[in-house]
Structure formats: C-alpha cells, structure tokens
Amino acid sequence: RLTISLFVESRCDSGSLTLNASVSPIPGH
C-alpha cells in the first residue's frame, strides 16, 4: 500500500495541485 499525502501550508494565487500515487506490480501495468 502506497499512501501519498499533500498539505498546503501557504496558498498559491491561482490553480491547483494534482497528487499522484502509483504502483507497478507487473511490467506494463
């Protein structure tokens, strides 16, 4: 199990952040 957490300490002026967690258990997947 892979868990990735993101916390915004100080705000940005505009936009968003995308958080990606990925595990490749077999080649190509």
mmCIF file of all heavy atoms, coordinates in Angstrom:
data_MODEL
# 
_entry.id   MODEL 
# 
loop_
_atom_site.group_PDB 
_atom_site.id 
_atom_site.type_symbol 
_atom_site.label_atom_id 
_atom_site.label_alt_id 
_atom_site.label_comp_id 
_atom_site.label_asym_id 
_atom_site.label_entity_id 
_atom_site.label_seq_id 
_atom_site.pdbx_PDB_ins_code 
_atom_site.Cartn_x 
_atom_site.Cartn_y 
_atom_site.Cartn_z 
_atom_site.occupancy 
_atom_site.B_iso_or_equiv 
_atom_site.pdbx_formal_charge 
_atom_site.auth_seq_id 
_atom_site.auth_comp_id 
_atom_site.auth_asym_id 
_atom_site.auth_atom_id 
_atom_site.pdbx_PDB_model_num 
ATOM 1   N N   . ARG A 1 1  ? 0.865  -1.186 0.000   1.00 0.00 ? 1  ARG A N   1 
ATOM 2   C CA  . ARG A 1 1  ? 0.000  0.000  0.000   1.00 0.00 ? 1  ARG A CA  1 
ATOM 3   C C   . ARG A 1 1  ? 0.897  1.229  0.000   1.00 0.00 ? 1  ARG A C   1 
ATOM 4   O O   . ARG A 1 1  ? 1.778  1.367  0.848   1.00 0.00 ? 1  ARG A O   1 
ATOM 5   C CB  . ARG A 1 1  ? -0.917 0.018  1.210   1.00 0.00 ? 1  ARG A CB  1 
ATOM 6   C CG  . ARG A 1 1  ? -1.807 1.268  1.241   1.00 0.00 ? 1  ARG A CG  1 
ATOM 7   C CD  . ARG A 1 1  ? -2.888 1.228  2.301   1.00 0.00 ? 1  ARG A CD  1 
ATOM 8   N NE  . ARG A 1 1  ? -2.336 0.868  3.607   1.00 0.00 ? 1  ARG A NE  1 
ATOM 9   C CZ  . ARG A 1 1  ? -3.002 0.116  4.484   1.00 0.00 ? 1  ARG A CZ  1 
ATOM 10  N NH1 . ARG A 1 1  ? -4.197 -0.362 4.216   1.00 0.00 ? 1  ARG A NH1 1 
ATOM 11  N NH2 . ARG A 1 1  ? -2.455 -0.162 5.649   1.00 0.00 ? 1  ARG A NH2 1 
ATOM 12  N N   . LEU A 1 2  ? 0.648  2.111  -0.966  1.00 0.00 ? 2  LEU A N   1 
ATOM 13  C CA  . LEU A 1 2  ? 1.370  3.379  -1.075  1.00 0.00 ? 2  LEU A CA  1 
ATOM 14  C C   . LEU A 1 2  ? 0.401  4.500  -0.752  1.00 0.00 ? 2  LEU A C   1 
ATOM 15  O O   . LEU A 1 2  ? -0.669 4.596  -1.358  1.00 0.00 ? 2  LEU A O   1 
ATOM 16  C CB  . LEU A 1 2  ? 1.925  3.556  -2.489  1.00 0.00 ? 2  LEU A CB  1 
ATOM 17  C CG  . LEU A 1 2  ? 2.591  4.901  -2.799  1.00 0.00 ? 2  LEU A CG  1 
ATOM 18  C CD1 . LEU A 1 2  ? 3.821  5.123  -1.916  1.00 0.00 ? 2  LEU A CD1 1 
ATOM 19  C CD2 . LEU A 1 2  ? 2.948  4.981  -4.277  1.00 0.00 ? 2  LEU A CD2 1 
ATOM 20  N N   . THR A 1 3  ? 0.756  5.323  0.220   1.00 0.00 ? 3  THR A N   1 
ATOM 21  C CA  . THR A 1 3  ? -0.074 6.456  0.619   1.00 0.00 ? 3  THR A CA  1 
ATOM 22  C C   . THR A 1 3  ? 0.747  7.727  0.474   1.00 0.00 ? 3  THR A C   1 
ATOM 23  O O   . THR A 1 3  ? 1.842  7.830  1.037   1.00 0.00 ? 3  THR A O   1 
ATOM 24  C CB  . THR A 1 3  ? -0.544 6.321  2.086   1.00 0.00 ? 3  THR A CB  1 
ATOM 25  O OG1 . THR A 1 3  ? -1.240 5.080  2.225   1.00 0.00 ? 3  THR A OG1 1 
ATOM 26  C CG2 . THR A 1 3  ? -1.448 7.467  2.486   1.00 0.00 ? 3  THR A CG2 1 
ATOM 27  N N   . ILE A 1 4  ? 0.218  8.674  -0.308  1.00 0.00 ? 4  ILE A N   1 
ATOM 28  C CA  . ILE A 1 4  ? 0.873  9.957  -0.526  1.00 0.00 ? 4  ILE A CA  1 
ATOM 29  C C   . ILE A 1 4  ? -0.083 11.039 -0.018  1.00 0.00 ? 4  ILE A C   1 
ATOM 30  O O   . ILE A 1 4  ? -1.252 11.064 -0.411  1.00 0.00 ? 4  ILE A O   1 
ATOM 31  C CB  . ILE A 1 4  ? 1.164  10.219 -2.023  1.00 0.00 ? 4  ILE A CB  1 
ATOM 32  C CG1 . ILE A 1 4  ? 1.904  9.045  -2.651  1.00 0.00 ? 4  ILE A CG1 1 
ATOM 33  C CG2 . ILE A 1 4  ? 1.911  11.521 -2.212  1.00 0.00 ? 4  ILE A CG2 1 
ATOM 34  C CD1 . ILE A 1 4  ? 3.284  8.840  -2.127  1.00 0.00 ? 4  ILE A CD1 1 
ATOM 35  N N   . SER A 1 5  ? 0.399  11.907 0.853   1.00 0.00 ? 5  SER A N   1 
ATOM 36  C CA  . SER A 1 5  ? -0.420 12.998 1.385   1.00 0.00 ? 5  SER A CA  1 
ATOM 37  C C   . SER A 1 5  ? 0.214  14.337 1.040   1.00 0.00 ? 5  SER A C   1 
ATOM 38  O O   . SER A 1 5  ? 1.439  14.465 1.028   1.00 0.00 ? 5  SER A O   1 
ATOM 39  C CB  . SER A 1 5  ? -0.556 12.885 2.903   1.00 0.00 ? 5  SER A CB  1 
ATOM 40  O OG  . SER A 1 5  ? -1.180 11.673 3.247   1.00 0.00 ? 5  SER A OG  1 
ATOM 41  N N   . LEU A 1 6  ? -0.626 15.319 0.770   1.00 0.00 ? 6  LEU A N   1 
ATOM 42  C CA  . LEU A 1 6  ? -0.163 16.669 0.450   1.00 0.00 ? 6  LEU A CA  1 
ATOM 43  C C   . LEU A 1 6  ? -0.897 17.657 1.344   1.00 0.00 ? 6  LEU A C   1 
ATOM 44  O O   . LEU A 1 6  ? -2.110 17.542 1.536   1.00 0.00 ? 6  LEU A O   1 
ATOM 45  C CB  . LEU A 1 6  ? -0.451 16.984 -1.023  1.00 0.00 ? 6  LEU A CB  1 
ATOM 46  C CG  . LEU A 1 6  ? -0.005 18.369 -1.485  1.00 0.00 ? 6  LEU A CG  1 
ATOM 47  C CD1 . LEU A 1 6  ? 0.575  18.272 -2.882  1.00 0.00 ? 6  LEU A CD1 1 
ATOM 48  C CD2 . LEU A 1 6  ? -1.164 19.337 -1.495  1.00 0.00 ? 6  LEU A CD2 1 
ATOM 49  N N   . PHE A 1 7  ? -0.161 18.602 1.897   1.00 0.00 ? 7  PHE A N   1 
ATOM 50  C CA  . PHE A 1 7  ? -0.728 19.633 2.767   1.00 0.00 ? 7  PHE A CA  1 
ATOM 51  C C   . PHE A 1 7  ? -0.241 20.994 2.283   1.00 0.00 ? 7  PHE A C   1 
ATOM 52  O O   . PHE A 1 7  ? 0.966  21.205 2.138   1.00 0.00 ? 7  PHE A O   1 
ATOM 53  C CB  . PHE A 1 7  ? -0.295 19.403 4.215   1.00 0.00 ? 7  PHE A CB  1 
ATOM 54  C CG  . PHE A 1 7  ? -0.746 20.462 5.170   1.00 0.00 ? 7  PHE A CG  1 
ATOM 55  C CD1 . PHE A 1 7  ? -2.064 20.525 5.588   1.00 0.00 ? 7  PHE A CD1 1 
ATOM 56  C CD2 . PHE A 1 7  ? 0.151  21.407 5.642   1.00 0.00 ? 7  PHE A CD2 1 
ATOM 57  C CE1 . PHE A 1 7  ? -2.477 21.509 6.474   1.00 0.00 ? 7  PHE A CE1 1 
ATOM 58  C CE2 . PHE A 1 7  ? -0.251 22.389 6.525   1.00 0.00 ? 7  PHE A CE2 1 
ATOM 59  C CZ  . PHE A 1 7  ? -1.579 22.448 6.937   1.00 0.00 ? 7  PHE A CZ  1 
ATOM 60  N N   . VAL A 1 8  ? -1.160 21.910 2.005   1.00 0.00 ? 8  VAL A N   1 
ATOM 61  C CA  . VAL A 1 8  ? -0.812 23.260 1.556   1.00 0.00 ? 8  VAL A CA  1 
ATOM 62  C C   . VAL A 1 8  ? -0.610 24.134 2.791   1.00 0.00 ? 8  VAL A C   1 
ATOM 63  O O   . VAL A 1 8  ? -1.551 24.392 3.532   1.00 0.00 ? 8  VAL A O   1 
ATOM 64  C CB  . VAL A 1 8  ? -1.918 23.856 0.650   1.00 0.00 ? 8  VAL A CB  1 
ATOM 65  C CG1 . VAL A 1 8  ? -1.576 25.294 0.272   1.00 0.00 ? 8  VAL A CG1 1 
ATOM 66  C CG2 . VAL A 1 8  ? -2.109 23.000 -0.598  1.00 0.00 ? 8  VAL A CG2 1 
ATOM 67  N N   . GLU A 1 9  ? 0.637  24.564 3.016   1.00 0.00 ? 9  GLU A N   1 
ATOM 68  C CA  . GLU A 1 9  ? 0.943  25.435 4.158   1.00 0.00 ? 9  GLU A CA  1 
ATOM 69  C C   . GLU A 1 9  ? 0.583  26.885 3.864   1.00 0.00 ? 9  GLU A C   1 
ATOM 70  O O   . GLU A 1 9  ? -0.011 27.561 4.691   1.00 0.00 ? 9  GLU A O   1 
ATOM 71  C CB  . GLU A 1 9  ? 2.428  25.355 4.502   1.00 0.00 ? 9  GLU A CB  1 
ATOM 72  C CG  . GLU A 1 9  ? 2.890  24.033 5.037   1.00 0.00 ? 9  GLU A CG  1 
ATOM 73  C CD  . GLU A 1 9  ? 4.369  24.044 5.356   1.00 0.00 ? 9  GLU A CD  1 
ATOM 74  O OE1 . GLU A 1 9  ? 5.160  24.639 4.591   1.00 0.00 ? 9  GLU A OE1 1 
ATOM 75  O OE2 . GLU A 1 9  ? 4.742  23.461 6.373   1.00 0.00 ? 9  GLU A OE2 1 
ATOM 76  N N   . SER A 1 10 ? 1.017  27.388 2.702   1.00 0.00 ? 10 SER A N   1 
ATOM 77  C CA  . SER A 1 10 ? 0.737  28.762 2.281   1.00 0.00 ? 10 SER A CA  1 
ATOM 78  C C   . SER A 1 10 ? 0.114  28.705 0.898   1.00 0.00 ? 10 SER A C   1 
ATOM 79  O O   . SER A 1 10 ? 0.594  27.985 0.024   1.00 0.00 ? 10 SER A O   1 
ATOM 80  C CB  . SER A 1 10 ? 2.021  29.590 2.209   1.00 0.00 ? 10 SER A CB  1 
ATOM 81  O OG  . SER A 1 10 ? 2.626  29.672 3.470   1.00 0.00 ? 10 SER A OG  1 
ATOM 82  N N   . ARG A 1 11 ? -0.915 29.476 0.693   1.00 0.00 ? 11 ARG A N   1 
ATOM 83  C CA  . ARG A 1 11 ? -1.720 29.410 -0.526  1.00 0.00 ? 11 ARG A CA  1 
ATOM 84  C C   . ARG A 1 11 ? -0.988 29.931 -1.758  1.00 0.00 ? 11 ARG A C   1 
ATOM 85  O O   . ARG A 1 11 ? -0.070 30.743 -1.664  1.00 0.00 ? 11 ARG A O   1 
ATOM 86  C CB  . ARG A 1 11 ? -3.019 30.183 -0.329  1.00 0.00 ? 11 ARG A CB  1 
ATOM 87  C CG  . ARG A 1 11 ? -2.808 31.671 -0.057  1.00 0.00 ? 11 ARG A CG  1 
ATOM 88  C CD  . ARG A 1 11 ? -4.103 32.413 0.195   1.00 0.00 ? 11 ARG A CD  1 
ATOM 89  N NE  . ARG A 1 11 ? -4.996 32.498 -0.929  1.00 0.00 ? 11 ARG A NE  1 
ATOM 90  C CZ  . ARG A 1 11 ? -4.848 33.281 -1.992  1.00 0.00 ? 11 ARG A CZ  1 
ATOM 91  N NH1 . ARG A 1 11 ? -3.786 34.056 -2.086  1.00 0.00 ? 11 ARG A NH1 1 
ATOM 92  N NH2 . ARG A 1 11 ? -5.730 33.289 -2.935  1.00 0.00 ? 11 ARG A NH2 1 
ATOM 93  N N   . CYS A 1 12 ? -1.450 29.437 -2.913  1.00 0.00 ? 12 CYS A N   1 
ATOM 94  C CA  . CYS A 1 12 ? -0.995 29.958 -4.198  1.00 0.00 ? 12 CYS A CA  1 
ATOM 95  C C   . CYS A 1 12 ? -1.975 31.050 -4.636  1.00 0.00 ? 12 CYS A C   1 
ATOM 96  O O   . CYS A 1 12 ? -3.054 31.185 -4.061  1.00 0.00 ? 12 CYS A O   1 
ATOM 97  C CB  . CYS A 1 12 ? -0.922 28.845 -5.248  1.00 0.00 ? 12 CYS A CB  1 
ATOM 98  S SG  . CYS A 1 12 ? -2.499 28.096 -5.669  1.00 0.00 ? 12 CYS A SG  1 
ATOM 99  N N   . ASP A 1 13 ? -1.605 31.824 -5.651  1.00 0.00 ? 13 ASP A N   1 
ATOM 100 C CA  . ASP A 1 13 ? -2.504 32.871 -6.145  1.00 0.00 ? 13 ASP A CA  1 
ATOM 101 C C   . ASP A 1 13 ? -3.618 32.292 -7.006  1.00 0.00 ? 13 ASP A C   1 
ATOM 102 O O   . ASP A 1 13 ? -4.739 32.797 -7.000  1.00 0.00 ? 13 ASP A O   1 
ATOM 103 C CB  . ASP A 1 13 ? -1.718 33.920 -6.934  1.00 0.00 ? 13 ASP A CB  1 
ATOM 104 C CG  . ASP A 1 13 ? -0.805 34.744 -6.034  1.00 0.00 ? 13 ASP A CG  1 
ATOM 105 O OD1 . ASP A 1 13 ? -1.025 34.750 -4.801  1.00 0.00 ? 13 ASP A OD1 1 
ATOM 106 O OD2 . ASP A 1 13 ? 0.129  35.369 -6.559  1.00 0.00 ? 13 ASP A OD2 1 
ATOM 107 N N   . SER A 1 14 ? -3.324 31.231 -7.759  1.00 0.00 ? 14 SER A N   1 
ATOM 108 C CA  . SER A 1 14 ? -4.349 30.579 -8.582  1.00 0.00 ? 14 SER A CA  1 
ATOM 109 C C   . SER A 1 14 ? -3.897 29.184 -8.955  1.00 0.00 ? 14 SER A C   1 
ATOM 110 O O   . SER A 1 14 ? -2.702 28.879 -8.916  1.00 0.00 ? 14 SER A O   1 
ATOM 111 C CB  . SER A 1 14 ? -4.616 31.390 -9.853  1.00 0.00 ? 14 SER A CB  1 
ATOM 112 O OG  . SER A 1 14 ? -3.465 31.412 -10.673 1.00 0.00 ? 14 SER A OG  1 
ATOM 113 N N   . GLY A 1 15 ? -4.850 28.324 -9.312  1.00 0.00 ? 15 GLY A N   1 
ATOM 114 C CA  . GLY A 1 15 ? -4.549 26.989 -9.798  1.00 0.00 ? 15 GLY A CA  1 
ATOM 115 C C   . GLY A 1 15 ? -4.804 25.892 -8.787  1.00 0.00 ? 15 GLY A C   1 
ATOM 116 O O   . GLY A 1 15 ? -5.438 26.089 -7.758  1.00 0.00 ? 15 GLY A O   1 
ATOM 117 N N   . SER A 1 16 ? -4.292 24.709 -9.128  1.00 0.00 ? 16 SER A N   1 
ATOM 118 C CA  . SER A 1 16 ? -4.464 23.538 -8.272  1.00 0.00 ? 16 SER A CA  1 
ATOM 119 C C   . SER A 1 16 ? -3.250 22.623 -8.402  1.00 0.00 ? 16 SER A C   1 
ATOM 120 O O   . SER A 1 16 ? -2.442 22.762 -9.315  1.00 0.00 ? 16 SER A O   1 
ATOM 121 C CB  . SER A 1 16 ? -5.743 22.783 -8.655  1.00 0.00 ? 16 SER A CB  1 
ATOM 122 O OG  . SER A 1 16 ? -5.640 22.286 -9.978  1.00 0.00 ? 16 SER A OG  1 
ATOM 123 N N   . LEU A 1 17 ? -3.147 21.703 -7.474  1.00 0.00 ? 17 LEU A N   1 
ATOM 124 C CA  . LEU A 1 17 ? -2.086 20.700 -7.483  1.00 0.00 ? 17 LEU A CA  1 
ATOM 125 C C   . LEU A 1 17 ? -2.738 19.331 -7.618  1.00 0.00 ? 17 LEU A C   1 
ATOM 126 O O   . LEU A 1 17 ? -3.766 19.064 -6.999  1.00 0.00 ? 17 LEU A O   1 
ATOM 127 C CB  . LEU A 1 17 ? -1.290 20.741 -6.178  1.00 0.00 ? 17 LEU A CB  1 
ATOM 128 C CG  . LEU A 1 17 ? -0.637 22.073 -5.807  1.00 0.00 ? 17 LEU A CG  1 
ATOM 129 C CD1 . LEU A 1 17 ? -0.035 21.987 -4.412  1.00 0.00 ? 17 LEU A CD1 1 
ATOM 130 C CD2 . LEU A 1 17 ? 0.425  22.432 -6.816  1.00 0.00 ? 17 LEU A CD2 1 
ATOM 131 N N   . THR A 1 18 ? -2.151 18.469 -8.439  1.00 0.00 ? 18 THR A N   1 
ATOM 132 C CA  . THR A 1 18 ? -2.640 17.101 -8.563  1.00 0.00 ? 18 THR A CA  1 
ATOM 133 C C   . THR A 1 18 ? -1.608 16.166 -7.961  1.00 0.00 ? 18 THR A C   1 
ATOM 134 O O   . THR A 1 18 ? -0.427 16.227 -8.283  1.00 0.00 ? 18 THR A O   1 
ATOM 135 C CB  . THR A 1 18 ? -2.895 16.723 -10.037 1.00 0.00 ? 18 THR A CB  1 
ATOM 136 O OG1 . THR A 1 18 ? -3.892 17.592 -10.563 1.00 0.00 ? 18 THR A OG1 1 
ATOM 137 C CG2 . THR A 1 18 ? -3.383 15.294 -10.156 1.00 0.00 ? 18 THR A CG2 1 
ATOM 138 N N   . LEU A 1 19 ? -2.079 15.325 -7.068  1.00 0.00 ? 19 LEU A N   1 
ATOM 139 C CA  . LEU A 1 19 ? -1.255 14.363 -6.351  1.00 0.00 ? 19 LEU A CA  1 
ATOM 140 C C   . LEU A 1 19 ? -1.465 13.000 -7.005  1.00 0.00 ? 19 LEU A C   1 
ATOM 141 O O   . LEU A 1 19 ? -2.597 12.590 -7.226  1.00 0.00 ? 19 LEU A O   1 
ATOM 142 C CB  . LEU A 1 19 ? -1.719 14.345 -4.897  1.00 0.00 ? 19 LEU A CB  1 
ATOM 143 C CG  . LEU A 1 19 ? -1.028 13.481 -3.888  1.00 0.00 ? 19 LEU A CG  1 
ATOM 144 C CD1 . LEU A 1 19 ? 0.437  13.884 -3.763  1.00 0.00 ? 19 LEU A CD1 1 
ATOM 145 C CD2 . LEU A 1 19 ? -1.719 13.597 -2.547  1.00 0.00 ? 19 LEU A CD2 1 
ATOM 146 N N   . ASN A 1 20 ? -0.373 12.295 -7.330  1.00 0.00 ? 20 ASN A N   1 
ATOM 147 C CA  . ASN A 1 20 ? -0.472 11.003 -7.995  1.00 0.00 ? 20 ASN A CA  1 
ATOM 148 C C   . ASN A 1 20 ? 0.317  9.961  -7.220  1.00 0.00 ? 20 ASN A C   1 
ATOM 149 O O   . ASN A 1 20 ? 1.495  10.152 -6.938  1.00 0.00 ? 20 ASN A O   1 
ATOM 150 C CB  . ASN A 1 20 ? 0.068  11.100 -9.429  1.00 0.00 ? 20 ASN A CB  1 
ATOM 151 C CG  . ASN A 1 20 ? -0.007 9.787  -10.180 1.00 0.00 ? 20 ASN A CG  1 
ATOM 152 O OD1 . ASN A 1 20 ? -0.626 8.831  -9.738  1.00 0.00 ? 20 ASN A OD1 1 
ATOM 153 N ND2 . ASN A 1 20 ? 0.636  9.735  -11.321 1.00 0.00 ? 20 ASN A ND2 1 
ATOM 154 N N   . ALA A 1 21 ? -0.339 8.858  -6.869  1.00 0.00 ? 21 ALA A N   1 
ATOM 155 C CA  . ALA A 1 21 ? 0.320  7.706  -6.249  1.00 0.00 ? 21 ALA A CA  1 
ATOM 156 C C   . ALA A 1 21 ? 0.162  6.539  -7.204  1.00 0.00 ? 21 ALA A C   1 
ATOM 157 O O   . ALA A 1 21 ? -0.934 6.260  -7.679  1.00 0.00 ? 21 ALA A O   1 
ATOM 158 C CB  . ALA A 1 21 ? -0.324 7.368  -4.909  1.00 0.00 ? 21 ALA A CB  1 
ATOM 159 N N   . SER A 1 22 ? 1.265  5.834  -7.500  1.00 0.00 ? 22 SER A N   1 
ATOM 160 C CA  . SER A 1 22 ? 1.212  4.750  -8.477  1.00 0.00 ? 22 SER A CA  1 
ATOM 161 C C   . SER A 1 22 ? 2.160  3.617  -8.083  1.00 0.00 ? 22 SER A C   1 
ATOM 162 O O   . SER A 1 22 ? 3.275  3.853  -7.642  1.00 0.00 ? 22 SER A O   1 
ATOM 163 C CB  . SER A 1 22 ? 1.608  5.297  -9.852  1.00 0.00 ? 22 SER A CB  1 
ATOM 164 O OG  . SER A 1 22 ? 1.655  4.280  -10.814 1.00 0.00 ? 22 SER A OG  1 
ATOM 165 N N   . VAL A 1 23 ? 1.680  2.379  -8.244  1.00 0.00 ? 23 VAL A N   1 
ATOM 166 C CA  . VAL A 1 23 ? 2.472  1.183  -8.007  1.00 0.00 ? 23 VAL A CA  1 
ATOM 167 C C   . VAL A 1 23 ? 2.386  0.332  -9.268  1.00 0.00 ? 23 VAL A C   1 
ATOM 168 O O   . VAL A 1 23 ? 1.301  0.172  -9.834  1.00 0.00 ? 23 VAL A O   1 
ATOM 169 C CB  . VAL A 1 23 ? 1.936  0.378  -6.793  1.00 0.00 ? 23 VAL A CB  1 
ATOM 170 C CG1 . VAL A 1 23 ? 2.707  -0.912 -6.602  1.00 0.00 ? 23 VAL A CG1 1 
ATOM 171 C CG2 . VAL A 1 23 ? 1.983  1.199  -5.525  1.00 0.00 ? 23 VAL A CG2 1 
ATOM 172 N N   . SER A 1 24 ? 3.513  -0.211 -9.736  1.00 0.00 ? 24 SER A N   1 
ATOM 173 C CA  . SER A 1 24 ? 3.533  -1.081 -10.925 1.00 0.00 ? 24 SER A CA  1 
ATOM 174 C C   . SER A 1 24 ? 3.856  -2.508 -10.493 1.00 0.00 ? 24 SER A C   1 
ATOM 175 O O   . SER A 1 24 ? 5.028  -2.909 -10.459 1.00 0.00 ? 24 SER A O   1 
ATOM 176 C CB  . SER A 1 24 ? 4.582  -0.594 -11.928 1.00 0.00 ? 24 SER A CB  1 
ATOM 177 O OG  . SER A 1 24 ? 4.260  0.687  -12.389 1.00 0.00 ? 24 SER A OG  1 
ATOM 178 N N   . PRO A 1 25 ? 2.829  -3.297 -10.153 1.00 0.00 ? 25 PRO A N   1 
ATOM 179 C CA  . PRO A 1 25 ? 3.088  -4.651 -9.636  1.00 0.00 ? 25 PRO A CA  1 
ATOM 180 C C   . PRO A 1 25 ? 3.642  -5.610 -10.688 1.00 0.00 ? 25 PRO A C   1 
ATOM 181 O O   . PRO A 1 25 ? 4.353  -6.543 -10.353 1.00 0.00 ? 25 PRO A O   1 
ATOM 182 C CB  . PRO A 1 25 ? 1.729  -5.111 -9.135  1.00 0.00 ? 25 PRO A CB  1 
ATOM 183 C CG  . PRO A 1 25 ? 0.737  -4.281 -9.882  1.00 0.00 ? 25 PRO A CG  1 
ATOM 184 C CD  . PRO A 1 25 ? 1.412  -2.978 -10.177 1.00 0.00 ? 25 PRO A CD  1 
ATOM 185 N N   . ILE A 1 26 ? 3.319  -5.393 -11.970 1.00 0.00 ? 26 ILE A N   1 
ATOM 186 C CA  . ILE A 1 26 ? 3.871  -6.204 -13.056 1.00 0.00 ? 26 ILE A CA  1 
ATOM 187 C C   . ILE A 1 26 ? 4.230  -5.269 -14.204 1.00 0.00 ? 26 ILE A C   1 
ATOM 188 O O   . ILE A 1 26 ? 3.617  -4.210 -14.356 1.00 0.00 ? 26 ILE A O   1 
ATOM 189 C CB  . ILE A 1 26 ? 2.893  -7.308 -13.539 1.00 0.00 ? 26 ILE A CB  1 
ATOM 190 C CG1 . ILE A 1 26 ? 1.564  -6.704 -14.000 1.00 0.00 ? 26 ILE A CG1 1 
ATOM 191 C CG2 . ILE A 1 26 ? 2.660  -8.341 -12.457 1.00 0.00 ? 26 ILE A CG2 1 
ATOM 192 C CD1 . ILE A 1 26 ? 0.614  -7.703 -14.622 1.00 0.00 ? 26 ILE A CD1 1 
ATOM 193 N N   . PRO A 1 27 ? 5.224  -5.612 -15.008 1.00 0.00 ? 27 PRO A N   1 
ATOM 194 C CA  . PRO A 1 27 ? 5.628  -4.732 -16.115 1.00 0.00 ? 27 PRO A CA  1 
ATOM 195 C C   . PRO A 1 27 ? 4.443  -4.380 -17.020 1.00 0.00 ? 27 PRO A C   1 
ATOM 196 O O   . PRO A 1 27 ? 3.637  -5.234 -17.370 1.00 0.00 ? 27 PRO A O   1 
ATOM 197 C CB  . PRO A 1 27 ? 6.676  -5.563 -16.864 1.00 0.00 ? 27 PRO A CB  1 
ATOM 198 C CG  . PRO A 1 27 ? 7.218  -6.503 -15.837 1.00 0.00 ? 27 PRO A CG  1 
ATOM 199 C CD  . PRO A 1 27 ? 6.053  -6.826 -14.940 1.00 0.00 ? 27 PRO A CD  1 
ATOM 200 N N   . GLY A 1 28 ? 4.351  -3.106 -17.358 1.00 0.00 ? 28 GLY A N   1 
ATOM 201 C CA  . GLY A 1 28 ? 3.305  -2.647 -18.259 1.00 0.00 ? 28 GLY A CA  1 
ATOM 202 C C   . GLY A 1 28 ? 1.963  -2.388 -17.603 1.00 0.00 ? 28 GLY A C   1 
ATOM 203 O O   . GLY A 1 28 ? 0.993  -2.043 -18.270 1.00 0.00 ? 28 GLY A O   1 
ATOM 204 N N   . HIS A 1 29 ? 1.868  -2.567 -16.301 1.00 0.00 ? 29 HIS A N   1 
ATOM 205 C CA  . HIS A 1 29 ? 0.599  -2.364 -15.592 1.00 0.00 ? 29 HIS A CA  1 
ATOM 206 C C   . HIS A 1 29 ? 0.849  -1.471 -14.382 1.00 0.00 ? 29 HIS A C   1 
ATOM 207 O O   . HIS A 1 29 ? 1.799  -1.690 -13.640 1.00 0.00 ? 29 HIS A O   1 
ATOM 208 C CB  . HIS A 1 29 ? 0.020  -3.701 -15.133 1.00 0.00 ? 29 HIS A CB  1 
ATOM 209 C CG  . HIS A 1 29 ? -1.262 -3.574 -14.370 1.00 0.00 ? 29 HIS A CG  1 
ATOM 210 N ND1 . HIS A 1 29 ? -2.445 -3.226 -14.964 1.00 0.00 ? 29 HIS A ND1 1 
ATOM 211 C CD2 . HIS A 1 29 ? -1.529 -3.717 -13.058 1.00 0.00 ? 29 HIS A CD2 1 
ATOM 212 C CE1 . HIS A 1 29 ? -3.393 -3.186 -14.052 1.00 0.00 ? 29 HIS A CE1 1 
ATOM 213 N NE2 . HIS A 1 29 ? -2.864 -3.478 -12.874 1.00 0.00 ? 29 HIS A NE2 1 
# 
